[in-house]
Amino acid sequence: MHASVSIRQLGLEDYDRWMSLWERAGLHSARPLGRDSREAFGAQFAAHTHIMLGLERDLELIAVVLVTHDGRKGWINRLAVLPEHRRQRYAARLLQEAERVLKAQGIHVIAALIEPDNEASLAFFRQAGYAETAGMHYVSRRDRSEA
């Protein structure tokens, strides 16, 4: 019997599922008391600049990606696949769908930030045709650590 795999837009009713997936996948940057709170996602989704996509296999959520844009540039955020489901092209399928969603909204520059120690993600994005921009530095100002 073949597994049923589908990608769909997730809503706040799926919040606990994707937060659990991020934790199980070892995502270090989640801020559940700040920008990743249920309330924050509600506001982000209402602004129509944030979409959470989920890949389900036999109704089990096994991969997610947060797709955002500022009207000019799109961002691939928090792409995560459960460890036991990696190396099966699920991340590639989610990335392809995220790119399709952004292009349908008129976004033609798509970027991702990758933590320095995440060599697997860097290799994945390079293989998908993403190139590093030499000389770029990511800087941020935060009101609090959970922001």
Protein backbone atom coordinates (compact mmCIF):
# COMPACT_ATOMS: atom_id res chain seq x y z
CA MET A 1 0.00 0.00 0.00
CA HIS A 2 1.36 3.45 -0.93
CA ALA A 3 1.40 6.32 1.51
CA SER A 4 -0.89 9.25 0.81
CA VAL A 5 1.15 12.47 0.74
CA SER A 6 -0.39 15.93 0.48
CA ILE A 7 0.57 19.55 1.04
CA ARG A 8 -1.93 22.03 2.44
CA GLN A 9 -2.08 25.45 4.03
CA LEU A 10 -2.20 25.13 7.79
CA GLY A 11 -4.29 27.28 10.10
CA LEU A 12 -4.25 28.15 13.78
CA GLU A 13 -6.08 24.89 14.49
CA ASP A 14 -2.82 23.17 13.47
CA TYR A 15 -0.61 25.33 15.73
CA ASP A 16 0.16 22.65 18.34
CA ARG A 17 1.02 20.16 15.59
CA TRP A 18 3.58 22.39 13.85
CA MET A 19 5.10 23.57 17.14
CA SER A 20 5.56 19.94 18.16
CA LEU A 21 7.09 19.16 14.77
CA TRP A 22 9.55 22.06 15.11
CA GLU A 23 10.60 20.76 18.52
CA ARG A 24 10.98 17.16 17.34
CA ALA A 25 12.92 18.34 14.27
CA GLY A 26 15.40 20.22 16.48
CA LEU A 27 14.49 23.75 15.36
CA HIS A 28 16.33 26.09 17.74
CA SER A 29 14.91 29.44 16.65
CA ALA A 30 11.25 29.02 17.64
CA ARG A 31 9.92 31.74 19.95
CA PRO A 32 6.59 30.43 21.35
CA LEU A 33 6.34 33.32 23.83
CA GLY A 34 6.98 35.95 21.15
CA ARG A 35 6.78 36.00 17.35
CA ASP A 36 5.79 32.32 17.24
CA SER A 37 2.93 32.51 19.75
CA ARG A 38 -0.54 31.46 18.66
CA GLU A 39 -1.65 35.09 18.91
CA ALA A 40 1.26 36.34 16.79
CA PHE A 41 0.50 33.78 14.09
CA GLY A 42 -3.15 34.84 14.12
CA ALA A 43 -2.12 38.43 13.36
CA GLN A 44 0.47 37.32 10.77
CA PHE A 45 -2.04 35.14 8.94
CA ALA A 46 -4.64 37.94 9.01
CA ALA A 47 -2.12 40.28 7.33
CA HIS A 48 -1.91 37.81 4.39
CA THR A 49 1.89 37.96 4.34
CA HIS A 50 2.48 34.67 6.19
CA ILE A 51 1.41 31.20 5.12
CA MET A 52 2.26 27.98 6.92
CA LEU A 53 2.40 24.98 4.61
CA GLY A 54 2.33 21.45 5.94
CA LEU A 55 3.17 18.17 4.29
CA GLU A 56 1.16 15.25 5.60
CA ARG A 57 1.78 11.60 5.01
CA ASP A 58 -1.22 9.44 5.83
CA LEU A 59 -2.61 12.44 7.77
CA GLU A 60 0.53 12.70 9.97
CA LEU A 61 2.16 16.13 9.78
CA ILE A 62 5.79 15.36 8.92
CA ALA A 63 7.12 18.62 7.45
CA VAL A 64 6.31 22.34 7.55
CA VAL A 65 7.53 25.61 6.10
CA LEU A 66 6.60 29.19 6.93
CA VAL A 67 6.33 31.28 3.75
CA THR A 68 6.45 35.05 4.19
CA HIS A 69 6.92 38.15 2.09
CA ASP A 70 7.16 41.91 2.46
CA GLY A 71 5.65 42.71 -0.92
CA ARG A 72 9.07 42.68 -2.62
CA LYS A 73 10.99 39.68 -1.35
CA GLY A 74 9.78 36.27 -0.24
CA TRP A 75 11.27 34.26 2.58
CA ILE A 76 11.44 30.55 3.24
CA ASN A 77 11.36 30.23 7.03
CA ARG A 78 11.53 27.35 9.45
CA LEU A 79 11.55 24.54 6.89
CA ALA A 80 11.56 21.42 9.04
CA VAL A 81 11.10 17.71 8.41
CA LEU A 82 10.80 15.11 11.14
CA PRO A 83 14.12 13.23 11.41
CA GLU A 84 12.59 9.83 10.59
CA HIS A 85 11.18 11.22 7.31
CA ARG A 86 14.26 13.02 6.01
CA ARG A 87 16.02 12.17 2.74
CA GLN A 88 12.73 11.37 0.99
CA ARG A 89 12.42 14.67 -0.96
CA TYR A 90 9.68 16.03 1.31
CA ALA A 91 11.63 19.26 1.92
CA ALA A 92 12.06 19.69 -1.84
CA ARG A 93 8.32 19.25 -2.38
CA LEU A 94 7.54 21.84 0.29
CA LEU A 95 10.10 24.27 -1.11
CA GLN A 96 8.62 23.91 -4.59
CA GLU A 97 5.13 24.64 -3.26
CA ALA A 98 6.40 27.61 -1.22
CA GLU A 99 8.03 29.07 -4.34
CA ARG A 100 4.81 28.53 -6.31
CA VAL A 101 2.78 30.34 -3.63
CA LEU A 102 5.16 33.31 -3.61
CA LYS A 103 5.32 33.58 -7.40
CA ALA A 104 1.51 33.52 -7.56
CA GLN A 105 1.58 36.59 -5.31
CA GLY A 106 3.98 38.40 -7.66
CA ILE A 107 7.11 37.71 -5.61
CA HIS A 108 10.14 36.89 -7.76
CA VAL A 109 13.03 37.20 -5.28
CA ILE A 110 13.04 34.41 -2.72
CA ALA A 111 15.53 34.07 0.12
CA ALA A 112 16.27 31.95 3.17
CA LEU A 113 18.42 32.52 6.25
CA ILE A 114 20.34 29.47 7.42
CA GLU A 115 22.01 29.13 10.79
CA PRO A 116 25.82 28.81 10.49
CA ASP A 117 25.99 25.28 11.89
CA ASN A 118 23.19 23.90 9.68
CA GLU A 119 25.28 22.43 6.87
CA ALA A 120 22.47 20.09 5.76
CA SER A 121 20.11 23.01 5.12
CA LEU A 122 22.82 24.97 3.35
CA ALA A 123 23.53 22.01 1.07
CA PHE A 124 19.79 21.55 0.44
CA PHE A 125 19.27 25.17 -0.64
CA ARG A 126 22.41 25.16 -2.78
CA GLN A 127 21.18 22.02 -4.55
CA ALA A 128 17.82 23.75 -5.11
CA GLY A 129 19.59 26.57 -6.95
CA TYR A 130 19.93 29.14 -4.17
CA ALA A 131 23.21 31.06 -4.06
CA GLU A 132 24.90 32.72 -1.11
CA THR A 133 25.31 36.47 -1.30
CA ALA A 134 28.91 37.32 -0.46
CA GLY A 135 29.47 40.23 1.87
CA MET A 136 25.97 40.18 3.36
CA HIS A 137 25.50 40.36 7.11
CA TYR A 138 22.26 39.68 8.92
CA VAL A 139 21.60 42.22 11.66
CA SER A 140 18.55 42.67 13.86
CA ARG A 141 17.30 44.70 16.79
CA ARG A 142 14.99 43.02 19.26
CA ASP A 143 12.88 44.53 22.00
CA ARG A 144 13.19 41.28 23.94
CA SER A 145 14.74 37.86 23.37
CA GLU A 146 11.39 36.23 22.56
CA ALA A 147 10.53 38.81 19.90
